Structures are given as C-alpha cells and as structure tokens.
Amino acid sequence: MRKTFLLWMALVMILAFSGALPVWAGVPTDKVRETTDKIIAIVGDPALKEPAKEAQRRERIRKTVDELCDWEEMSRRSLGRHWAKRSEQEKKEFVHLFGQLLERTYIDKVEGYSGEKVNYVGERIDGDYAEVDVKVETKKNMEIPVMYKLRTKDQNWWVYDIVVEGVSLVNNYRTQFTDIMAKSSFEGLLKKLREKVAE
C-alpha cells in the first residue's frame, strides 16, 4: 500500500505542477506538459476554489486526466495474464472501476500541492512507444526520479505506466491483483474495487 501511495503522490506532483521543459523535448513530453498546464489552470482558478464548486472542479480535473491516461491499457497490463481470460463485459467493468479508483486517488491528492518542482530531463521514442524522464524536487531538496511510459493510439500519445524510483505502478497493482485473485477470484477482485470506489 505504501508503494502505491508513493507512486500516486509522484503522479500528482508531476501532472499537477509545471517544471522546466527542455527545448529538445518532443511530442510525448509535450503531451504531459499540455495536461499539466490544463490542471494548473483548473486548480488555480479562483472561481473553482469555493466549496460549492468542488464537484465542478473535480469533474474538470477528471476529464483532463482522461486526456492523458490510457485506462484500458493500464488495466490490461495490471491484470497481466488474467486479462485474456475475462469476458468483454468483465473487462469493461474492470477498466471502469480501476480508472475510477486511480482518478479518485489522483483527485484526492492533487489539491494538496505544496510547491514541489518538476524538471523534464529526458525523452526516448522507439516507434509507437516512448519514455519521458522527470525529476521531482521536493521542498527538502530531494529529487525523486519518475518515468512516464507512453504509447501511440488513435494518433495520440497516452500514458500506460509510471515508474517511480524504479517501481512500476502497473507492476505494483499486478502484484496486488494477482494476490487477491489467488486468495479469492476475479469476482472477488471486482468486489474489492467496487467497495473502494464506493467509500
């Protein structure tokens, strides 16, 4: 659970707050930057800071995150070998629940910005896949290395995994999901996700 928390804290810091963008950065970095700028505008909008505007603010953040993350690919990789065994309806529900869980985790954290800086330090493109390297600079002058993994789909770049200090978000969830299914079943996993989303 701690690893999952750290991964998402890093995601929050990266997506929510701007940093230096090297002049050599390409389209994948630009995609992350574009999402960053939109979220900064939403979080910083005085008209959306009022408690009565919370639902509207969170909905805008959610839609913006949807423009960056490939929830289906993230879900497929997080289920690993179990994905192919699922029916189309099961896959659809899992993607929906998993996306809701990650989005809620993100939105719950994104409004707690405390001045972290993000520097974009590298980018690699190999065909339809890319990696964007960043370093999150904390207020305690510590640097947290984070790598976005993206792929092209529908002529756009989408994030399908995030690696924080060498720990993959997808691999972390795959381990958790495999453990849950080993102790119960896929339906047991769906039940747990439904409960988490409903909390």
N, C-alpha and C. Protein backbone atom coordinates (compact mmCIF):
# COMPACT_ATOMS: atom_id res chain seq x y z
N MET A 1 0.83 -1.20 0.00
CA MET A 1 0.00 0.00 0.00
C MET A 1 0.87 1.26 0.00
N ARG A 2 2.01 1.22 0.72
CA ARG A 2 2.88 2.38 0.76
C ARG A 2 3.46 2.68 -0.62
N LYS A 3 3.83 1.61 -1.35
CA LYS A 3 4.38 1.81 -2.69
C LYS A 3 3.34 2.46 -3.59
N THR A 4 2.10 2.01 -3.49
CA THR A 4 1.04 2.59 -4.30
C THR A 4 0.86 4.06 -3.96
N PHE A 5 0.90 4.39 -2.69
CA PHE A 5 0.77 5.78 -2.26
C PHE A 5 1.90 6.63 -2.83
N LEU A 6 3.13 6.14 -2.75
CA LEU A 6 4.27 6.89 -3.26
C LEU A 6 4.17 7.10 -4.77
N LEU A 7 3.74 6.07 -5.47
CA LEU A 7 3.59 6.18 -6.91
C LEU A 7 2.60 7.27 -7.28
N TRP A 8 1.48 7.28 -6.57
CA TRP A 8 0.47 8.27 -6.92
C TRP A 8 0.79 9.66 -6.43
N MET A 9 1.53 9.76 -5.35
CA MET A 9 1.99 11.09 -4.93
C MET A 9 2.90 11.67 -6.01
N ALA A 10 3.75 10.83 -6.58
CA ALA A 10 4.64 11.30 -7.64
C ALA A 10 3.83 11.70 -8.87
N LEU A 11 2.81 10.90 -9.21
CA LEU A 11 1.97 11.23 -10.34
C LEU A 11 1.30 12.58 -10.12
N VAL A 12 0.81 12.78 -8.93
CA VAL A 12 0.17 14.05 -8.60
C VAL A 12 1.13 15.21 -8.80
N MET A 13 2.32 15.09 -8.26
CA MET A 13 3.28 16.20 -8.35
C MET A 13 3.66 16.49 -9.79
N ILE A 14 3.76 15.44 -10.60
CA ILE A 14 4.17 15.63 -11.98
C ILE A 14 3.06 16.23 -12.82
N LEU A 15 1.88 15.65 -12.73
CA LEU A 15 0.79 16.11 -13.58
C LEU A 15 0.27 17.47 -13.16
N ALA A 16 0.35 17.77 -11.89
CA ALA A 16 -0.33 18.96 -11.41
C ALA A 16 0.50 20.23 -11.46
N PHE A 17 1.81 20.10 -11.57
CA PHE A 17 2.61 21.29 -11.39
C PHE A 17 3.74 21.38 -12.40
N SER A 18 3.91 22.57 -12.94
CA SER A 18 4.84 22.75 -14.06
C SER A 18 6.29 22.73 -13.62
N GLY A 19 7.17 22.46 -14.61
CA GLY A 19 8.61 22.49 -14.38
C GLY A 19 9.29 22.94 -15.64
N ALA A 20 10.60 22.86 -15.68
CA ALA A 20 11.35 23.30 -16.83
C ALA A 20 11.19 22.32 -17.97
N LEU A 21 10.96 22.83 -19.17
CA LEU A 21 10.80 21.99 -20.34
C LEU A 21 11.97 22.21 -21.28
N PRO A 22 12.83 21.19 -21.50
CA PRO A 22 13.97 21.35 -22.39
C PRO A 22 13.52 21.65 -23.81
N VAL A 23 14.33 22.42 -24.55
CA VAL A 23 13.96 22.80 -25.90
C VAL A 23 13.93 21.60 -26.83
N TRP A 24 14.61 20.50 -26.47
CA TRP A 24 14.67 19.34 -27.35
C TRP A 24 13.51 18.37 -27.13
N ALA A 25 12.65 18.64 -26.17
CA ALA A 25 11.58 17.70 -25.86
C ALA A 25 10.64 17.54 -27.04
N GLY A 26 10.15 16.31 -27.24
CA GLY A 26 9.27 16.03 -28.36
C GLY A 26 7.82 15.92 -27.96
N VAL A 27 7.04 15.28 -28.84
CA VAL A 27 5.59 15.20 -28.66
C VAL A 27 5.16 14.52 -27.36
N PRO A 28 5.77 13.39 -26.94
CA PRO A 28 5.35 12.77 -25.67
C PRO A 28 5.47 13.72 -24.48
N THR A 29 6.60 14.43 -24.39
CA THR A 29 6.77 15.39 -23.30
C THR A 29 5.76 16.52 -23.43
N ASP A 30 5.52 16.94 -24.67
CA ASP A 30 4.53 17.99 -24.90
C ASP A 30 3.15 17.57 -24.40
N LYS A 31 2.83 16.29 -24.58
CA LYS A 31 1.51 15.80 -24.15
C LYS A 31 1.38 15.89 -22.63
N VAL A 32 2.43 15.51 -21.92
CA VAL A 32 2.41 15.62 -20.46
C VAL A 32 2.32 17.09 -20.06
N ARG A 33 3.08 17.93 -20.75
CA ARG A 33 3.08 19.36 -20.47
C ARG A 33 1.69 19.98 -20.70
N GLU A 34 1.04 19.56 -21.79
CA GLU A 34 -0.29 20.08 -22.10
C GLU A 34 -1.28 19.77 -20.98
N THR A 35 -1.22 18.53 -20.49
CA THR A 35 -2.10 18.13 -19.39
C THR A 35 -1.77 18.92 -18.14
N THR A 36 -0.48 19.09 -17.88
CA THR A 36 -0.02 19.87 -16.73
C THR A 36 -0.62 21.27 -16.75
N ASP A 37 -0.51 21.94 -17.89
CA ASP A 37 -1.00 23.32 -17.99
C ASP A 37 -2.50 23.41 -17.73
N LYS A 38 -3.24 22.44 -18.24
CA LYS A 38 -4.69 22.44 -18.03
C LYS A 38 -5.04 22.27 -16.56
N ILE A 39 -4.33 21.36 -15.90
CA ILE A 39 -4.63 21.11 -14.48
C ILE A 39 -4.23 22.31 -13.62
N ILE A 40 -3.11 22.92 -13.95
CA ILE A 40 -2.70 24.12 -13.22
C ILE A 40 -3.78 25.19 -13.31
N ALA A 41 -4.33 25.35 -14.50
CA ALA A 41 -5.38 26.36 -14.70
C ALA A 41 -6.62 26.03 -13.87
N ILE A 42 -6.98 24.77 -13.81
CA ILE A 42 -8.16 24.36 -13.04
C ILE A 42 -7.93 24.56 -11.54
N VAL A 43 -6.80 24.05 -11.04
CA VAL A 43 -6.50 24.14 -9.60
C VAL A 43 -6.35 25.60 -9.17
N GLY A 44 -5.81 26.43 -10.06
CA GLY A 44 -5.56 27.82 -9.70
C GLY A 44 -6.70 28.77 -9.99
N ASP A 45 -7.79 28.29 -10.57
CA ASP A 45 -8.92 29.14 -10.93
C ASP A 45 -9.68 29.58 -9.67
N PRO A 46 -9.65 30.86 -9.33
CA PRO A 46 -10.34 31.35 -8.11
C PRO A 46 -11.83 31.01 -8.12
N ALA A 47 -12.44 30.99 -9.28
CA ALA A 47 -13.87 30.74 -9.37
C ALA A 47 -14.23 29.30 -9.02
N LEU A 48 -13.21 28.41 -9.03
CA LEU A 48 -13.47 27.00 -8.72
C LEU A 48 -12.99 26.59 -7.33
N LYS A 49 -12.48 27.56 -6.56
CA LYS A 49 -11.94 27.24 -5.24
C LYS A 49 -13.01 27.17 -4.16
N GLU A 50 -14.16 27.74 -4.42
CA GLU A 50 -15.24 27.73 -3.43
C GLU A 50 -15.73 26.30 -3.19
N PRO A 51 -16.09 25.99 -1.94
CA PRO A 51 -16.60 24.64 -1.62
C PRO A 51 -17.76 24.22 -2.51
N ALA A 52 -18.61 25.16 -2.88
CA ALA A 52 -19.76 24.85 -3.72
C ALA A 52 -19.35 24.41 -5.12
N LYS A 53 -18.12 24.72 -5.50
CA LYS A 53 -17.63 24.40 -6.84
C LYS A 53 -16.78 23.12 -6.85
N GLU A 54 -16.71 22.42 -5.73
CA GLU A 54 -15.84 21.25 -5.63
C GLU A 54 -16.16 20.19 -6.69
N ALA A 55 -17.44 19.88 -6.85
CA ALA A 55 -17.82 18.85 -7.81
C ALA A 55 -17.44 19.26 -9.23
N GLN A 56 -17.66 20.51 -9.56
CA GLN A 56 -17.32 21.01 -10.89
C GLN A 56 -15.81 20.98 -11.11
N ARG A 57 -15.06 21.40 -10.09
CA ARG A 57 -13.60 21.41 -10.18
C ARG A 57 -13.05 19.99 -10.39
N ARG A 58 -13.57 19.06 -9.60
CA ARG A 58 -13.09 17.68 -9.69
C ARG A 58 -13.47 17.04 -11.02
N GLU A 59 -14.61 17.38 -11.55
CA GLU A 59 -15.02 16.83 -12.84
C GLU A 59 -14.09 17.33 -13.95
N ARG A 60 -13.69 18.58 -13.87
CA ARG A 60 -12.78 19.13 -14.88
C ARG A 60 -11.41 18.47 -14.79
N ILE A 61 -10.94 18.23 -13.56
CA ILE A 61 -9.66 17.55 -13.37
C ILE A 61 -9.75 16.14 -13.93
N ARG A 62 -10.85 15.46 -13.64
CA ARG A 62 -11.04 14.09 -14.10
C ARG A 62 -11.00 14.02 -15.63
N LYS A 63 -11.69 14.92 -16.29
CA LYS A 63 -11.70 14.92 -17.75
C LYS A 63 -10.31 15.20 -18.31
N THR A 64 -9.56 16.06 -17.64
CA THR A 64 -8.21 16.38 -18.11
C THR A 64 -7.29 15.18 -17.97
N VAL A 65 -7.38 14.47 -16.85
CA VAL A 65 -6.56 13.27 -16.65
C VAL A 65 -6.93 12.21 -17.70
N ASP A 66 -8.22 12.12 -18.04
CA ASP A 66 -8.67 11.17 -19.05
C ASP A 66 -8.01 11.43 -20.41
N GLU A 67 -7.59 12.67 -20.64
CA GLU A 67 -6.96 13.03 -21.91
C GLU A 67 -5.52 12.53 -21.98
N LEU A 68 -4.96 12.08 -20.85
CA LEU A 68 -3.57 11.64 -20.82
C LEU A 68 -3.43 10.13 -20.61
N CYS A 69 -4.29 9.56 -19.79
CA CYS A 69 -4.11 8.17 -19.37
C CYS A 69 -4.93 7.19 -20.20
N ASP A 70 -4.29 6.12 -20.62
CA ASP A 70 -4.95 5.03 -21.34
C ASP A 70 -5.39 4.01 -20.30
N TRP A 71 -6.60 4.18 -19.78
CA TRP A 71 -7.08 3.33 -18.70
C TRP A 71 -7.19 1.86 -19.13
N GLU A 72 -7.57 1.61 -20.37
CA GLU A 72 -7.71 0.23 -20.82
C GLU A 72 -6.34 -0.47 -20.88
N GLU A 73 -5.35 0.22 -21.41
CA GLU A 73 -4.02 -0.39 -21.48
C GLU A 73 -3.43 -0.59 -20.09
N MET A 74 -3.65 0.39 -19.21
CA MET A 74 -3.20 0.27 -17.83
C MET A 74 -3.87 -0.92 -17.15
N SER A 75 -5.16 -1.07 -17.41
CA SER A 75 -5.93 -2.17 -16.82
C SER A 75 -5.42 -3.51 -17.35
N ARG A 76 -5.23 -3.59 -18.65
CA ARG A 76 -4.77 -4.84 -19.27
C ARG A 76 -3.43 -5.26 -18.69
N ARG A 77 -2.51 -4.33 -18.59
CA ARG A 77 -1.18 -4.65 -18.07
C ARG A 77 -1.23 -4.96 -16.57
N SER A 78 -2.13 -4.31 -15.85
CA SER A 78 -2.23 -4.55 -14.42
C SER A 78 -2.83 -5.93 -14.11
N LEU A 79 -3.68 -6.43 -15.00
CA LEU A 79 -4.23 -7.77 -14.81
C LEU A 79 -3.29 -8.85 -15.35
N GLY A 80 -2.38 -8.45 -16.25
CA GLY A 80 -1.42 -9.40 -16.79
C GLY A 80 -2.09 -10.57 -17.50
N ARG A 81 -1.66 -11.79 -17.18
CA ARG A 81 -2.16 -12.99 -17.86
C ARG A 81 -3.65 -13.23 -17.60
N HIS A 82 -4.20 -12.61 -16.58
CA HIS A 82 -5.62 -12.81 -16.27
C HIS A 82 -6.54 -12.04 -17.22
N TRP A 83 -6.00 -11.04 -17.92
CA TRP A 83 -6.80 -10.21 -18.81
C TRP A 83 -7.47 -11.03 -19.91
N ALA A 84 -6.70 -11.90 -20.55
CA ALA A 84 -7.21 -12.67 -21.69
C ALA A 84 -8.36 -13.61 -21.30
N LYS A 85 -8.42 -13.98 -20.04
CA LYS A 85 -9.45 -14.92 -19.58
C LYS A 85 -10.79 -14.24 -19.31
N ARG A 86 -10.80 -12.95 -19.30
CA ARG A 86 -12.00 -12.22 -18.95
C ARG A 86 -12.91 -12.00 -20.14
N SER A 87 -14.21 -11.96 -19.89
CA SER A 87 -15.18 -11.66 -20.95
C SER A 87 -15.12 -10.16 -21.25
N GLU A 88 -15.72 -9.76 -22.35
CA GLU A 88 -15.72 -8.34 -22.71
C GLU A 88 -16.43 -7.50 -21.64
N GLN A 89 -17.50 -8.05 -21.08
CA GLN A 89 -18.22 -7.33 -20.03
C GLN A 89 -17.37 -7.18 -18.78
N GLU A 90 -16.64 -8.25 -18.42
CA GLU A 90 -15.76 -8.20 -17.25
C GLU A 90 -14.64 -7.19 -17.46
N LYS A 91 -14.08 -7.18 -18.66
CA LYS A 91 -13.02 -6.22 -18.98
C LYS A 91 -13.54 -4.79 -18.87
N LYS A 92 -14.73 -4.59 -19.41
CA LYS A 92 -15.32 -3.25 -19.39
C LYS A 92 -15.53 -2.76 -17.96
N GLU A 93 -16.07 -3.63 -17.10
CA GLU A 93 -16.30 -3.23 -15.72
C GLU A 93 -14.99 -2.99 -14.98
N PHE A 94 -13.99 -3.85 -15.24
CA PHE A 94 -12.71 -3.69 -14.57
C PHE A 94 -12.05 -2.38 -14.96
N VAL A 95 -12.04 -2.06 -16.25
CA VAL A 95 -11.45 -0.80 -16.72
C VAL A 95 -12.15 0.38 -16.06
N HIS A 96 -13.48 0.30 -15.99
CA HIS A 96 -14.25 1.39 -15.38
C HIS A 96 -13.90 1.56 -13.91
N LEU A 97 -13.89 0.47 -13.16
CA LEU A 97 -13.60 0.53 -11.72
C LEU A 97 -12.16 0.95 -11.44
N PHE A 98 -11.23 0.35 -12.18
CA PHE A 98 -9.82 0.66 -11.98
C PHE A 98 -9.55 2.13 -12.31
N GLY A 99 -10.12 2.61 -13.40
CA GLY A 99 -9.96 4.01 -13.76
C GLY A 99 -10.54 4.93 -12.70
N GLN A 100 -11.72 4.58 -12.19
CA GLN A 100 -12.34 5.40 -11.13
C GLN A 100 -11.46 5.44 -9.88
N LEU A 101 -10.91 4.28 -9.52
CA LEU A 101 -10.06 4.21 -8.33
C LEU A 101 -8.83 5.10 -8.49
N LEU A 102 -8.17 5.00 -9.63
CA LEU A 102 -6.96 5.80 -9.85
C LEU A 102 -7.28 7.28 -9.95
N GLU A 103 -8.35 7.61 -10.64
CA GLU A 103 -8.75 9.01 -10.76
C GLU A 103 -9.07 9.60 -9.40
N ARG A 104 -9.82 8.85 -8.58
CA ARG A 104 -10.19 9.37 -7.27
C ARG A 104 -8.96 9.58 -6.39
N THR A 105 -8.03 8.62 -6.46
CA THR A 105 -6.80 8.75 -5.71
C THR A 105 -6.05 10.00 -6.15
N TYR A 106 -6.01 10.21 -7.45
CA TYR A 106 -5.33 11.37 -8.00
C TYR A 106 -5.99 12.66 -7.56
N ILE A 107 -7.30 12.75 -7.74
CA ILE A 107 -8.01 13.99 -7.42
C ILE A 107 -7.94 14.30 -5.93
N ASP A 108 -7.98 13.27 -5.09
CA ASP A 108 -7.88 13.49 -3.65
C ASP A 108 -6.56 14.14 -3.27
N LYS A 109 -5.51 13.84 -4.05
CA LYS A 109 -4.18 14.35 -3.72
C LYS A 109 -3.82 15.65 -4.44
N VAL A 110 -4.35 15.85 -5.62
CA VAL A 110 -3.90 16.94 -6.47
C VAL A 110 -4.11 18.32 -5.85
N GLU A 111 -5.12 18.43 -5.01
CA GLU A 111 -5.41 19.73 -4.41
C GLU A 111 -4.51 20.03 -3.21
N GLY A 112 -3.63 19.10 -2.88
CA GLY A 112 -2.72 19.32 -1.75
C GLY A 112 -1.34 19.80 -2.18
N TYR A 113 -1.25 20.47 -3.30
CA TYR A 113 0.03 20.97 -3.81
C TYR A 113 0.73 21.85 -2.79
N SER A 114 2.04 21.60 -2.60
CA SER A 114 2.78 22.39 -1.61
C SER A 114 4.10 22.92 -2.17
N GLY A 115 4.15 23.15 -3.48
CA GLY A 115 5.30 23.84 -4.06
C GLY A 115 6.38 22.97 -4.66
N GLU A 116 6.14 21.68 -4.85
CA GLU A 116 7.15 20.83 -5.46
C GLU A 116 7.42 21.29 -6.90
N LYS A 117 8.66 21.10 -7.34
CA LYS A 117 9.04 21.46 -8.70
C LYS A 117 9.33 20.20 -9.50
N VAL A 118 9.03 20.26 -10.78
CA VAL A 118 9.26 19.13 -11.66
C VAL A 118 10.11 19.57 -12.84
N ASN A 119 11.17 18.82 -13.08
CA ASN A 119 12.04 19.10 -14.22
C ASN A 119 11.96 17.95 -15.21
N TYR A 120 11.72 18.26 -16.45
CA TYR A 120 11.72 17.26 -17.51
C TYR A 120 13.15 17.10 -17.99
N VAL A 121 13.71 15.90 -17.85
CA VAL A 121 15.14 15.73 -18.08
C VAL A 121 15.49 14.80 -19.24
N GLY A 122 14.52 14.13 -19.83
CA GLY A 122 14.86 13.23 -20.92
C GLY A 122 13.64 12.65 -21.61
N GLU A 123 13.85 12.20 -22.83
CA GLU A 123 12.77 11.59 -23.59
C GLU A 123 13.36 10.60 -24.59
N ARG A 124 12.74 9.44 -24.69
CA ARG A 124 13.16 8.42 -25.66
C ARG A 124 11.94 7.94 -26.41
N ILE A 125 12.05 7.88 -27.73
CA ILE A 125 10.96 7.38 -28.57
C ILE A 125 11.46 6.20 -29.37
N ASP A 126 10.70 5.10 -29.33
CA ASP A 126 11.04 3.89 -30.09
C ASP A 126 9.77 3.42 -30.78
N GLY A 127 9.56 3.86 -32.00
CA GLY A 127 8.35 3.50 -32.73
C GLY A 127 7.12 4.08 -32.07
N ASP A 128 6.22 3.18 -31.67
CA ASP A 128 4.95 3.61 -31.06
C ASP A 128 5.05 3.77 -29.54
N TYR A 129 6.24 3.64 -28.99
CA TYR A 129 6.42 3.74 -27.55
C TYR A 129 7.41 4.85 -27.19
N ALA A 130 7.22 5.41 -26.02
CA ALA A 130 8.11 6.49 -25.57
C ALA A 130 8.23 6.48 -24.05
N GLU A 131 9.31 7.06 -23.58
CA GLU A 131 9.53 7.25 -22.15
C GLU A 131 9.92 8.69 -21.91
N VAL A 132 9.31 9.29 -20.91
CA VAL A 132 9.63 10.66 -20.53
C VAL A 132 10.16 10.65 -19.10
N ASP A 133 11.39 11.12 -18.93
CA ASP A 133 12.03 11.15 -17.61
C ASP A 133 11.86 12.51 -16.97
N VAL A 134 11.48 12.50 -15.70
CA VAL A 134 11.38 13.74 -14.94
C VAL A 134 12.00 13.54 -13.57
N LYS A 135 12.31 14.63 -12.93
CA LYS A 135 12.78 14.59 -11.55
C LYS A 135 11.95 15.56 -10.73
N VAL A 136 11.34 15.03 -9.68
CA VAL A 136 10.52 15.84 -8.79
C VAL A 136 11.41 16.34 -7.67
N GLU A 137 11.47 17.66 -7.54
CA GLU A 137 12.29 18.28 -6.49
C GLU A 137 11.41 18.67 -5.32
N THR A 138 11.62 18.03 -4.18
CA THR A 138 10.80 18.32 -3.00
C THR A 138 11.31 19.54 -2.27
N LYS A 139 10.54 19.99 -1.30
CA LYS A 139 10.95 21.15 -0.51
C LYS A 139 12.16 20.85 0.36
N LYS A 140 12.45 19.57 0.57
CA LYS A 140 13.62 19.17 1.35
C LYS A 140 14.84 18.94 0.47
N ASN A 141 14.75 19.47 -0.78
CA ASN A 141 15.84 19.36 -1.74
C ASN A 141 16.20 17.92 -2.10
N MET A 142 15.21 17.06 -2.06
CA MET A 142 15.40 15.68 -2.52
C MET A 142 14.84 15.56 -3.93
N GLU A 143 15.47 14.72 -4.76
CA GLU A 143 14.99 14.51 -6.11
C GLU A 143 14.42 13.09 -6.25
N ILE A 144 13.21 13.02 -6.77
CA ILE A 144 12.56 11.73 -6.98
C ILE A 144 12.50 11.47 -8.48
N PRO A 145 13.21 10.45 -8.97
CA PRO A 145 13.16 10.13 -10.40
C PRO A 145 11.86 9.43 -10.77
N VAL A 146 11.23 9.91 -11.81
CA VAL A 146 9.97 9.34 -12.28
C VAL A 146 10.03 9.20 -13.80
N MET A 147 9.52 8.10 -14.30
CA MET A 147 9.48 7.90 -15.75
C MET A 147 8.05 7.59 -16.18
N TYR A 148 7.58 8.35 -17.16
CA TYR A 148 6.30 8.07 -17.79
C TYR A 148 6.54 7.13 -18.96
N LYS A 149 5.70 6.13 -19.09
CA LYS A 149 5.73 5.27 -20.27
C LYS A 149 4.47 5.56 -21.09
N LEU A 150 4.67 5.86 -22.35
CA LEU A 150 3.56 6.21 -23.23
C LEU A 150 3.57 5.35 -24.48
N ARG A 151 2.42 5.28 -25.14
CA ARG A 151 2.33 4.63 -26.43
C ARG A 151 1.36 5.41 -27.30
N THR A 152 1.49 5.24 -28.61
CA THR A 152 0.59 5.94 -29.50
C THR A 152 -0.66 5.09 -29.76
N LYS A 153 -1.78 5.76 -29.80
CA LYS A 153 -3.07 5.14 -30.13
C LYS A 153 -3.97 6.23 -30.65
N ASP A 154 -4.63 5.97 -31.75
CA ASP A 154 -5.51 6.96 -32.36
C ASP A 154 -4.74 8.26 -32.64
N GLN A 155 -3.51 8.12 -33.10
CA GLN A 155 -2.67 9.25 -33.48
C GLN A 155 -2.41 10.21 -32.31
N ASN A 156 -2.31 9.66 -31.12
CA ASN A 156 -2.03 10.48 -29.95
C ASN A 156 -1.17 9.68 -28.99
N TRP A 157 -0.51 10.36 -28.06
CA TRP A 157 0.31 9.70 -27.04
C TRP A 157 -0.49 9.55 -25.76
N TRP A 158 -0.41 8.34 -25.16
CA TRP A 158 -1.16 8.04 -23.95
C TRP A 158 -0.24 7.38 -22.92
N VAL A 159 -0.38 7.78 -21.67
CA VAL A 159 0.39 7.16 -20.59
C VAL A 159 -0.24 5.83 -20.21
N TYR A 160 0.60 4.78 -20.13
CA TYR A 160 0.09 3.47 -19.71
C TYR A 160 0.81 2.93 -18.48
N ASP A 161 1.87 3.61 -18.04
CA ASP A 161 2.56 3.19 -16.82
C ASP A 161 3.41 4.34 -16.31
N ILE A 162 3.67 4.34 -15.01
CA ILE A 162 4.52 5.34 -14.37
C ILE A 162 5.47 4.59 -13.46
N VAL A 163 6.75 4.90 -13.57
CA VAL A 163 7.77 4.23 -12.76
C VAL A 163 8.41 5.26 -11.84
N VAL A 164 8.27 5.03 -10.54
CA VAL A 164 8.80 5.95 -9.54
C VAL A 164 9.91 5.26 -8.76
N GLU A 165 11.11 5.85 -8.82
CA GLU A 165 12.28 5.27 -8.15
C GLU A 165 12.41 3.78 -8.47
N GLY A 166 12.19 3.45 -9.75
CA GLY A 166 12.36 2.08 -10.20
C GLY A 166 11.17 1.17 -9.96
N VAL A 167 10.11 1.68 -9.35
CA VAL A 167 8.93 0.86 -9.05
C VAL A 167 7.80 1.22 -10.01
N SER A 168 7.32 0.23 -10.75
CA SER A 168 6.27 0.43 -11.74
C SER A 168 4.88 0.42 -11.10
N LEU A 169 4.07 1.40 -11.45
CA LEU A 169 2.68 1.45 -10.97
C LEU A 169 1.93 0.21 -11.42
N VAL A 170 2.06 -0.13 -12.70
CA VAL A 170 1.38 -1.29 -13.26
C VAL A 170 1.81 -2.58 -12.57
N ASN A 171 3.12 -2.75 -12.43
CA ASN A 171 3.62 -3.98 -11.78
C ASN A 171 3.16 -4.07 -10.33
N ASN A 172 3.12 -2.92 -9.66
CA ASN A 172 2.68 -2.88 -8.26
C ASN A 172 1.24 -3.35 -8.14
N TYR A 173 0.37 -2.83 -9.01
CA TYR A 173 -1.03 -3.24 -8.97
C TYR A 173 -1.20 -4.69 -9.43
N ARG A 174 -0.40 -5.13 -10.42
CA ARG A 174 -0.50 -6.51 -10.88
C ARG A 174 -0.21 -7.47 -9.73
N THR A 175 0.79 -7.14 -8.92
CA THR A 175 1.11 -7.98 -7.77
C THR A 175 -0.06 -8.03 -6.79
N GLN A 176 -0.65 -6.87 -6.51
CA GLN A 176 -1.78 -6.82 -5.59
C GLN A 176 -2.98 -7.59 -6.13
N PHE A 177 -3.28 -7.39 -7.42
CA PHE A 177 -4.45 -8.04 -8.01
C PHE A 177 -4.26 -9.56 -8.08
N THR A 178 -3.06 -9.99 -8.44
CA THR A 178 -2.78 -11.42 -8.51
C THR A 178 -2.94 -12.07 -7.15
N ASP A 179 -2.48 -11.37 -6.11
CA ASP A 179 -2.60 -11.89 -4.75
C ASP A 179 -4.06 -12.01 -4.34
N ILE A 180 -4.86 -11.00 -4.66
CA ILE A 180 -6.28 -11.02 -4.32
C ILE A 180 -6.98 -12.17 -5.02
N MET A 181 -6.70 -12.34 -6.33
CA MET A 181 -7.36 -13.41 -7.09
C MET A 181 -6.91 -14.80 -6.66
N ALA A 182 -5.66 -14.90 -6.20
CA ALA A 182 -5.16 -16.19 -5.72
C ALA A 182 -5.89 -16.61 -4.45
N LYS A 183 -6.30 -15.62 -3.66
CA LYS A 183 -6.99 -15.90 -2.41
C LYS A 183 -8.51 -16.02 -2.59
N SER A 184 -9.03 -15.42 -3.67
CA SER A 184 -10.47 -15.50 -3.89
C SER A 184 -10.75 -15.79 -5.36
N SER A 185 -11.05 -14.74 -6.15
CA SER A 185 -11.38 -14.92 -7.56
C SER A 185 -11.38 -13.56 -8.23
N PHE A 186 -11.61 -13.55 -9.54
CA PHE A 186 -11.72 -12.27 -10.24
C PHE A 186 -12.93 -11.50 -9.73
N GLU A 187 -14.01 -12.20 -9.47
CA GLU A 187 -15.19 -11.54 -8.91
C GLU A 187 -14.88 -10.95 -7.54
N GLY A 188 -14.02 -11.63 -6.79
CA GLY A 188 -13.59 -11.09 -5.50
C GLY A 188 -12.81 -9.80 -5.68
N LEU A 189 -12.01 -9.74 -6.73
CA LEU A 189 -11.26 -8.52 -7.02
C LEU A 189 -12.20 -7.39 -7.40
N LEU A 190 -13.17 -7.69 -8.26
CA LEU A 190 -14.15 -6.67 -8.64
C LEU A 190 -14.90 -6.15 -7.42
N LYS A 191 -15.24 -7.06 -6.52
CA LYS A 191 -15.97 -6.66 -5.30
C LYS A 191 -15.13 -5.69 -4.48
N LYS A 192 -13.84 -5.98 -4.35
CA LYS A 192 -12.97 -5.09 -3.58
C LYS A 192 -12.86 -3.72 -4.26
N LEU A 193 -12.76 -3.72 -5.60
CA LEU A 193 -12.67 -2.45 -6.32
C LEU A 193 -13.97 -1.65 -6.17
N ARG A 194 -15.10 -2.35 -6.25
CA ARG A 194 -16.38 -1.66 -6.06
C ARG A 194 -16.46 -1.02 -4.68
N GLU A 195 -16.00 -1.73 -3.67
CA GLU A 195 -16.04 -1.21 -2.31
C GLU A 195 -15.13 0.01 -2.16
N LYS A 196 -13.94 -0.06 -2.77
CA LYS A 196 -13.00 1.06 -2.70
C LYS A 196 -13.60 2.31 -3.37
N VAL A 197 -14.18 2.11 -4.54
CA VAL A 197 -14.75 3.23 -5.28
C VAL A 197 -15.93 3.83 -4.54
N ALA A 198 -16.68 3.00 -3.81
CA ALA A 198 -17.88 3.47 -3.11
C ALA A 198 -17.57 4.15 -1.78
N GLU A 199 -16.35 4.01 -1.27
CA GLU A 199 -16.00 4.59 0.03
C GLU A 199 -16.13 6.09 0.04
